[in-house]
Amino acid sequence: MNRPTIIVASQGAGKSLNAPKLLESLGCTSIVEEWNGQTPLSAGELAFTNAEVESHASFRVMTLEQALSLSPRAAN
């Protein structure tokens, strides 16, 4: 299963609006809204935050723009 994915963007940028499409295009299985940066994430989870996150081998971190570029069906 996929390692967790964290999408970082400011509040109001469209993370929640695009969540279902990003979930599918990134191969994730569930969504964690407003992830606090402390709660452990499980394989396949897609977490959204507006806090800075350092890269880590156990999860992948991308900006909303990076994630949207991988999802041709997402709203811009």
PDB file of N, CA and C in Angstrom:
ATOM      1  N   MET A   1       0.847  -1.188   0.000  1.00  0.00           N
ATOM      2  CA  MET A   1       0.000   0.000   0.000  1.00  0.00           C
ATOM      3  C   MET A   1       0.886   1.243   0.000  1.00  0.00           C
ATOM      4  N   ASN A   2       0.358   2.336  -0.461  1.00  0.00           N
ATOM      5  CA  ASN A   2       1.091   3.597  -0.561  1.00  0.00           C
ATOM      6  C   ASN A   2       1.408   4.179   0.807  1.00  0.00           C
ATOM      7  N   ARG A   3       2.549   4.831   0.888  1.00  0.00           N
ATOM      8  CA  ARG A   3       2.853   5.571   2.119  1.00  0.00           C
ATOM      9  C   ARG A   3       1.939   6.793   2.172  1.00  0.00           C
ATOM     10  N   PRO A   4       1.721   7.343   3.342  1.00  0.00           N
ATOM     11  CA  PRO A   4       0.847   8.514   3.472  1.00  0.00           C
ATOM     12  C   PRO A   4       1.355   9.691   2.628  1.00  0.00           C
ATOM     13  N   THR A   5       0.420  10.519   2.183  1.00  0.00           N
ATOM     14  CA  THR A   5       0.745  11.717   1.415  1.00  0.00           C
ATOM     15  C   THR A   5       0.199  12.925   2.149  1.00  0.00           C
ATOM     16  N   ILE A   6       1.014  13.960   2.255  1.00  0.00           N
ATOM     17  CA  ILE A   6       0.614  15.199   2.922  1.00  0.00           C
ATOM     18  C   ILE A   6       0.616  16.319   1.888  1.00  0.00           C
ATOM     19  N   ILE A   7      -0.525  17.001   1.771  1.00  0.00           N
ATOM     20  CA  ILE A   7      -0.654  18.154   0.874  1.00  0.00           C
ATOM     21  C   ILE A   7      -0.610  19.410   1.722  1.00  0.00           C
ATOM     22  N   VAL A   8       0.311  20.309   1.384  1.00  0.00           N
ATOM     23  CA  VAL A   8       0.495  21.552   2.127  1.00  0.00           C
ATOM     24  C   VAL A   8       0.048  22.728   1.272  1.00  0.00           C
ATOM     25  N   ALA A   9      -0.865  23.540   1.818  1.00  0.00           N
ATOM     26  CA  ALA A   9      -1.322  24.759   1.131  1.00  0.00           C
ATOM     27  C   ALA A   9      -2.012  25.642   2.157  1.00  0.00           C
ATOM     28  N   SER A  10      -2.088  26.917   1.852  1.00  0.00           N
ATOM     29  CA  SER A  10      -2.725  27.852   2.770  1.00  0.00           C
ATOM     30  C   SER A  10      -4.222  27.576   2.874  1.00  0.00           C
ATOM     31  N   GLN A  11      -4.813  28.079   3.930  1.00  0.00           N
ATOM     32  CA  GLN A  11      -6.252  27.938   4.134  1.00  0.00           C
ATOM     33  C   GLN A  11      -6.979  28.605   2.976  1.00  0.00           C
ATOM     34  N   GLY A  12      -7.984  27.929   2.454  1.00  0.00           N
ATOM     35  CA  GLY A  12      -8.760  28.478   1.352  1.00  0.00           C
ATOM     36  C   GLY A  12      -8.172  28.249  -0.026  1.00  0.00           C
ATOM     37  N   ALA A  13      -7.100  27.489  -0.117  1.00  0.00           N
ATOM     38  CA  ALA A  13      -6.437  27.276  -1.410  1.00  0.00           C
ATOM     39  C   ALA A  13      -7.136  26.252  -2.298  1.00  0.00           C
ATOM     40  N   GLY A  14      -8.017  25.438  -1.732  1.00  0.00           N
ATOM     41  CA  GLY A  14      -8.732  24.448  -2.535  1.00  0.00           C
ATOM     42  C   GLY A  14      -8.411  23.010  -2.202  1.00  0.00           C
ATOM     43  N   LYS A  15      -7.787  22.773  -1.065  1.00  0.00           N
ATOM     44  CA  LYS A  15      -7.448  21.394  -0.681  1.00  0.00           C
ATOM     45  C   LYS A  15      -8.703  20.534  -0.562  1.00  0.00           C
ATOM     46  N   SER A  16      -9.666  20.989   0.197  1.00  0.00           N
ATOM     47  CA  SER A  16     -10.897  20.214   0.404  1.00  0.00           C
ATOM     48  C   SER A  16     -11.720  20.114  -0.874  1.00  0.00           C
ATOM     49  N   LEU A  17     -11.757  21.170  -1.645  1.00  0.00           N
ATOM     50  CA  LEU A  17     -12.498  21.172  -2.903  1.00  0.00           C
ATOM     51  C   LEU A  17     -12.003  20.062  -3.830  1.00  0.00           C
ATOM     52  N   ASN A  18     -10.701  19.871  -3.857  1.00  0.00           N
ATOM     53  CA  ASN A  18     -10.097  18.893  -4.751  1.00  0.00           C
ATOM     54  C   ASN A  18      -9.836  17.538  -4.101  1.00  0.00           C
ATOM     55  N   ALA A  19     -10.203  17.370  -2.842  1.00  0.00           N
ATOM     56  CA  ALA A  19      -9.875  16.162  -2.089  1.00  0.00           C
ATOM     57  C   ALA A  19     -10.277  14.861  -2.774  1.00  0.00           C
ATOM     58  N   PRO A  20     -11.531  14.712  -3.232  1.00  0.00           N
ATOM     59  CA  PRO A  20     -11.901  13.428  -3.844  1.00  0.00           C
ATOM     60  C   PRO A  20     -11.081  13.084  -5.093  1.00  0.00           C
ATOM     61  N   LYS A  21     -10.816  14.074  -5.914  1.00  0.00           N
ATOM     62  CA  LYS A  21     -10.042  13.837  -7.134  1.00  0.00           C
ATOM     63  C   LYS A  21      -8.582  13.545  -6.814  1.00  0.00           C
ATOM     64  N   LEU A  22      -8.031  14.256  -5.815  1.00  0.00           N
ATOM     65  CA  LEU A  22      -6.654  14.001  -5.412  1.00  0.00           C
ATOM     66  C   LEU A  22      -6.515  12.617  -4.791  1.00  0.00           C
ATOM     67  N   LEU A  23      -7.498  12.225  -4.013  1.00  0.00           N
ATOM     68  CA  LEU A  23      -7.498  10.905  -3.386  1.00  0.00           C
ATOM     69  C   LEU A  23      -7.341   9.830  -4.461  1.00  0.00           C
ATOM     70  N   GLU A  24      -8.135   9.939  -5.492  1.00  0.00           N
ATOM     71  CA  GLU A  24      -8.095   8.962  -6.584  1.00  0.00           C
ATOM     72  C   GLU A  24      -6.786   9.031  -7.365  1.00  0.00           C
ATOM     73  N   SER A  25      -6.382  10.221  -7.772  1.00  0.00           N
ATOM     74  CA  SER A  25      -5.205  10.344  -8.630  1.00  0.00           C
ATOM     75  C   SER A  25      -3.903  10.008  -7.915  1.00  0.00           C
ATOM     76  N   LEU A  26      -3.861  10.178  -6.595  1.00  0.00           N
ATOM     77  CA  LEU A  26      -2.647   9.865  -5.841  1.00  0.00           C
ATOM     78  C   LEU A  26      -2.656   8.444  -5.291  1.00  0.00           C
ATOM     79  N   GLY A  27      -3.744   7.721  -5.535  1.00  0.00           N
ATOM     80  CA  GLY A  27      -3.817   6.332  -5.096  1.00  0.00           C
ATOM     81  C   GLY A  27      -3.974   6.157  -3.597  1.00  0.00           C
ATOM     82  N   CYS A  28      -4.588   7.136  -2.948  1.00  0.00           N
ATOM     83  CA  CYS A  28      -4.799   7.069  -1.505  1.00  0.00           C
ATOM     84  C   CYS A  28      -6.167   6.456  -1.208  1.00  0.00           C
ATOM     85  N   THR A  29      -6.365   6.060   0.059  1.00  0.00           N
ATOM     86  CA  THR A  29      -7.598   5.364   0.427  1.00  0.00           C
ATOM     87  C   THR A  29      -8.506   6.152   1.360  1.00  0.00           C
ATOM     88  N   SER A  30      -7.970   7.147   2.067  1.00  0.00           N
ATOM     89  CA  SER A  30      -8.795   7.948   2.976  1.00  0.00           C
ATOM     90  C   SER A  30      -8.185   9.332   3.156  1.00  0.00           C
ATOM     91  N   ILE A  31      -9.023  10.264   3.630  1.00  0.00           N
ATOM     92  CA  ILE A  31      -8.634  11.670   3.771  1.00  0.00           C
ATOM     93  C   ILE A  31      -8.586  12.059   5.238  1.00  0.00           C
ATOM     94  N   VAL A  32      -7.540  12.795   5.618  1.00  0.00           N
ATOM     95  CA  VAL A  32      -7.420  13.378   6.951  1.00  0.00           C
ATOM     96  C   VAL A  32      -7.423  14.892   6.756  1.00  0.00           C
ATOM     97  N   GLU A  33      -8.548  15.531   7.079  1.00  0.00           N
ATOM     98  CA  GLU A  33      -8.662  16.986   6.940  1.00  0.00           C
ATOM     99  C   GLU A  33      -7.933  17.675   8.090  1.00  0.00           C
ATOM    100  N   GLU A  34      -7.343  18.815   7.822  1.00  0.00           N
ATOM    101  CA  GLU A  34      -6.686  19.650   8.838  1.00  0.00           C
ATOM    102  C   GLU A  34      -5.756  18.852   9.739  1.00  0.00           C
ATOM    103  N   TRP A  35      -4.862  18.084   9.121  1.00  0.00           N
ATOM    104  CA  TRP A  35      -3.887  17.290   9.870  1.00  0.00           C
ATOM    105  C   TRP A  35      -3.035  18.215  10.726  1.00  0.00           C
ATOM    106  N   ASN A  36      -2.809  17.852  11.981  1.00  0.00           N
ATOM    107  CA  ASN A  36      -2.124  18.722  12.937  1.00  0.00           C
ATOM    108  C   ASN A  36      -0.604  18.572  12.948  1.00  0.00           C
ATOM    109  N   GLY A  37      -0.070  17.690  12.149  1.00  0.00           N
ATOM    110  CA  GLY A  37       1.377  17.509  12.102  1.00  0.00           C
ATOM    111  C   GLY A  37       1.903  16.576  13.169  1.00  0.00           C
ATOM    112  N   GLN A  38       1.077  16.160  14.087  1.00  0.00           N
ATOM    113  CA  GLN A  38       1.497  15.297  15.187  1.00  0.00           C
ATOM    114  C   GLN A  38       0.876  13.900  15.117  1.00  0.00           C
ATOM    115  N   THR A  39      -0.353  13.821  14.680  1.00  0.00           N
ATOM    116  CA  THR A  39      -1.054  12.548  14.631  1.00  0.00           C
ATOM    117  C   THR A  39      -0.391  11.627  13.615  1.00  0.00           C
ATOM    118  N   PRO A  40      -0.070  10.404  14.006  1.00  0.00           N
ATOM    119  CA  PRO A  40       0.530   9.474  13.038  1.00  0.00           C
ATOM    120  C   PRO A  40      -0.427   9.200  11.884  1.00  0.00           C
ATOM    121  N   LEU A  41       0.137   9.021  10.718  1.00  0.00           N
ATOM    122  CA  LEU A  41      -0.646   8.718   9.532  1.00  0.00           C
ATOM    123  C   LEU A  41      -0.412   7.266   9.128  1.00  0.00           C
ATOM    124  N   SER A  42      -1.460   6.650   8.618  1.00  0.00           N
ATOM    125  CA  SER A  42      -1.374   5.265   8.165  1.00  0.00           C
ATOM    126  C   SER A  42      -1.144   5.219   6.660  1.00  0.00           C
ATOM    127  N   ALA A  43      -0.686   4.077   6.191  1.00  0.00           N
ATOM    128  CA  ALA A  43      -0.474   3.879   4.762  1.00  0.00           C
ATOM    129  C   ALA A  43      -1.757   4.183   4.008  1.00  0.00           C
ATOM    130  N   GLY A  44      -1.633   4.890   2.902  1.00  0.00           N
ATOM    131  CA  GLY A  44      -2.775   5.201   2.060  1.00  0.00           C
ATOM    132  C   GLY A  44      -3.547   6.450   2.440  1.00  0.00           C
ATOM    133  N   GLU A  45      -3.207   7.084   3.559  1.00  0.00           N
ATOM    134  CA  GLU A  45      -3.949   8.283   3.965  1.00  0.00           C
ATOM    135  C   GLU A  45      -3.435   9.515   3.225  1.00  0.00           C
ATOM    136  N   LEU A  46      -4.364  10.398   2.911  1.00  0.00           N
ATOM    137  CA  LEU A  46      -4.076  11.687   2.285  1.00  0.00           C
ATOM    138  C   LEU A  46      -4.425  12.753   3.305  1.00  0.00           C
ATOM    139  N   ALA A  47      -3.416  13.477   3.785  1.00  0.00           N
ATOM    140  CA  ALA A  47      -3.626  14.483   4.827  1.00  0.00           C
ATOM    141  C   ALA A  47      -3.438  15.878   4.251  1.00  0.00           C
ATOM    142  N   PHE A  48      -4.250  16.812   4.751  1.00  0.00           N
ATOM    143  CA  PHE A  48      -4.164  18.213   4.352  1.00  0.00           C
ATOM    144  C   PHE A  48      -3.752  19.060   5.540  1.00  0.00           C
ATOM    145  N   THR A  49      -2.864  20.020   5.302  1.00  0.00           N
ATOM    146  CA  THR A  49      -2.437  20.931   6.352  1.00  0.00           C
ATOM    147  C   THR A  49      -2.026  22.262   5.745  1.00  0.00           C
ATOM    148  N   ASN A  50      -2.017  23.300   6.583  1.00  0.00           N
ATOM    149  CA  ASN A  50      -1.477  24.585   6.144  1.00  0.00           C
ATOM    150  C   ASN A  50      -0.188  24.902   6.901  1.00  0.00           C
ATOM    151  N   ALA A  51       0.320  23.929   7.669  1.00  0.00           N
ATOM    152  CA  ALA A  51       1.569  24.089   8.411  1.00  0.00           C
ATOM    153  C   ALA A  51       2.738  23.568   7.580  1.00  0.00           C
ATOM    154  N   GLU A  52       3.922  24.110   7.845  1.00  0.00           N
ATOM    155  CA  GLU A  52       5.113  23.610   7.166  1.00  0.00           C
ATOM    156  C   GLU A  52       5.399  22.197   7.649  1.00  0.00           C
ATOM    157  N   VAL A  53       5.785  21.341   6.716  1.00  0.00           N
ATOM    158  CA  VAL A  53       6.084  19.947   7.029  1.00  0.00           C
ATOM    159  C   VAL A  53       7.429  19.603   6.411  1.00  0.00           C
ATOM    160  N   GLU A  54       8.298  19.013   7.209  1.00  0.00           N
ATOM    161  CA  GLU A  54       9.586  18.575   6.693  1.00  0.00           C
ATOM    162  C   GLU A  54       9.432  17.221   6.028  1.00  0.00           C
ATOM    163  N   SER A  55      10.173  17.001   4.965  1.00  0.00           N
ATOM    164  CA  SER A  55      10.134  15.712   4.285  1.00  0.00           C
ATOM    165  C   SER A  55      10.614  14.615   5.210  1.00  0.00           C
ATOM    166  N   HIS A  56      10.078  13.435   5.014  1.00  0.00           N
ATOM    167  CA  HIS A  56      10.425  12.294   5.837  1.00  0.00           C
ATOM    168  C   HIS A  56      10.275  11.045   4.976  1.00  0.00           C
ATOM    169  N   ALA A  57      11.086  10.049   5.193  1.00  0.00           N
ATOM    170  CA  ALA A  57      11.055   8.835   4.376  1.00  0.00           C
ATOM    171  C   ALA A  57       9.745   8.062   4.498  1.00  0.00           C
ATOM    172  N   SER A  58       9.026   8.229   5.607  1.00  0.00           N
ATOM    173  CA  SER A  58       7.817   7.433   5.819  1.00  0.00           C
ATOM    174  C   SER A  58       6.564   8.034   5.161  1.00  0.00           C
ATOM    175  N   PHE A  59       6.656   9.257   4.631  1.00  0.00           N
ATOM    176  CA  PHE A  59       5.523   9.852   3.923  1.00  0.00           C
ATOM    177  C   PHE A  59       6.033  10.782   2.841  1.00  0.00           C
ATOM    178  N   ARG A  60       5.165  11.103   1.901  1.00  0.00           N
ATOM    179  CA  ARG A  60       5.554  12.064   0.872  1.00  0.00           C
ATOM    180  C   ARG A  60       4.813  13.372   1.111  1.00  0.00           C
ATOM    181  N   VAL A  61       5.502  14.471   0.853  1.00  0.00           N
ATOM    182  CA  VAL A  61       4.954  15.810   1.060  1.00  0.00           C
ATOM    183  C   VAL A  61       4.966  16.533  -0.275  1.00  0.00           C
ATOM    184  N   MET A  62       3.845  17.190  -0.597  1.00  0.00           N
ATOM    185  CA  MET A  62       3.805  17.985  -1.820  1.00  0.00           C
ATOM    186  C   MET A  62       2.894  19.186  -1.619  1.00  0.00           C
ATOM    187  N   THR A  63       3.119  20.183  -2.422  1.00  0.00           N
ATOM    188  CA  THR A  63       2.238  21.345  -2.395  1.00  0.00           C
ATOM    189  C   THR A  63       0.953  20.999  -3.136  1.00  0.00           C
ATOM    190  N   LEU A  64      -0.053  21.800  -2.936  1.00  0.00           N
ATOM    191  CA  LEU A  64      -1.307  21.587  -3.647  1.00  0.00           C
ATOM    192  C   LEU A  64      -1.074  21.698  -5.155  1.00  0.00           C
ATOM    193  N   GLU A  65      -0.239  22.629  -5.574  1.00  0.00           N
ATOM    194  CA  GLU A  65       0.038  22.801  -6.995  1.00  0.00           C
ATOM    195  C   GLU A  65       0.692  21.554  -7.583  1.00  0.00           C
ATOM    196  N   GLN A  66       1.632  20.962  -6.861  1.00  0.00           N
ATOM    197  CA  GLN A  66       2.266  19.733  -7.331  1.00  0.00           C
ATOM    198  C   GLN A  66       1.244  18.612  -7.460  1.00  0.00           C
ATOM    199  N   ALA A  67       0.394  18.474  -6.454  1.00  0.00           N
ATOM    200  CA  ALA A  67      -0.618  17.421  -6.472  1.00  0.00           C
ATOM    201  C   ALA A  67      -1.603  17.629  -7.618  1.00  0.00           C
ATOM    202  N   LEU A  68      -2.029  18.864  -7.836  1.00  0.00           N
ATOM    203  CA  LEU A  68      -2.971  19.149  -8.919  1.00  0.00           C
ATOM    204  C   LEU A  68      -2.359  18.860 -10.284  1.00  0.00           C
ATOM    205  N   SER A  69      -1.070  19.060 -10.417  1.00  0.00           N
ATOM    206  CA  SER A  69      -0.423  18.781 -11.701  1.00  0.00           C
ATOM    207  C   SER A  69      -0.452  17.291 -12.031  1.00  0.00           C
ATOM    208  N   LEU A  70      -0.625  16.447 -11.036  1.00  0.00           N
ATOM    209  CA  LEU A  70      -0.710  15.001 -11.241  1.00  0.00           C
ATOM    210  C   LEU A  70      -2.134  14.535 -11.473  1.00  0.00           C
ATOM    211  N   SER A  71      -3.088  15.446 -11.300  1.00  0.00           N
ATOM    212  CA  SER A  71      -4.504  15.103 -11.386  1.00  0.00           C
ATOM    213  C   SER A  71      -5.179  15.955 -12.449  1.00  0.00           C
ATOM    214  N   PRO A  72      -5.250  15.476 -13.684  1.00  0.00           N
ATOM    215  CA  PRO A  72      -5.834  16.286 -14.758  1.00  0.00           C
ATOM    216  C   PRO A  72      -7.309  16.619 -14.543  1.00  0.00           C
ATOM    217  N   ARG A  73      -8.007  15.880 -13.679  1.00  0.00           N
ATOM    218  CA  ARG A  73      -9.427  16.118 -13.446  1.00  0.00           C
ATOM    219  C   ARG A  73      -9.685  17.106 -12.306  1.00  0.00           C
ATOM    220  N   ALA A  74      -8.659  17.539 -11.613  1.00  0.00           N
ATOM    221  CA  ALA A  74      -8.855  18.438 -10.467  1.00  0.00           C
ATOM    222  C   ALA A  74      -9.169  19.858 -10.942  1.00  0.00           C
ATOM    223  N   ALA A  75      -9.938  20.572 -10.113  1.00  0.00           N
ATOM    224  CA  ALA A  75     -10.275  21.967 -10.410  1.00  0.00           C
ATOM    225  C   ALA A  75      -9.057  22.840 -10.173  1.00  0.00           C
ATOM    226  N   ASN A  76      -8.898  23.871 -10.975  1.00  0.00           N
ATOM    227  CA  ASN A  76      -7.774  24.794 -10.794  1.00  0.00           C
ATOM    228  C   ASN A  76      -8.209  26.100 -10.207  1.00  0.00           C
TER     229      ASN A  76
END
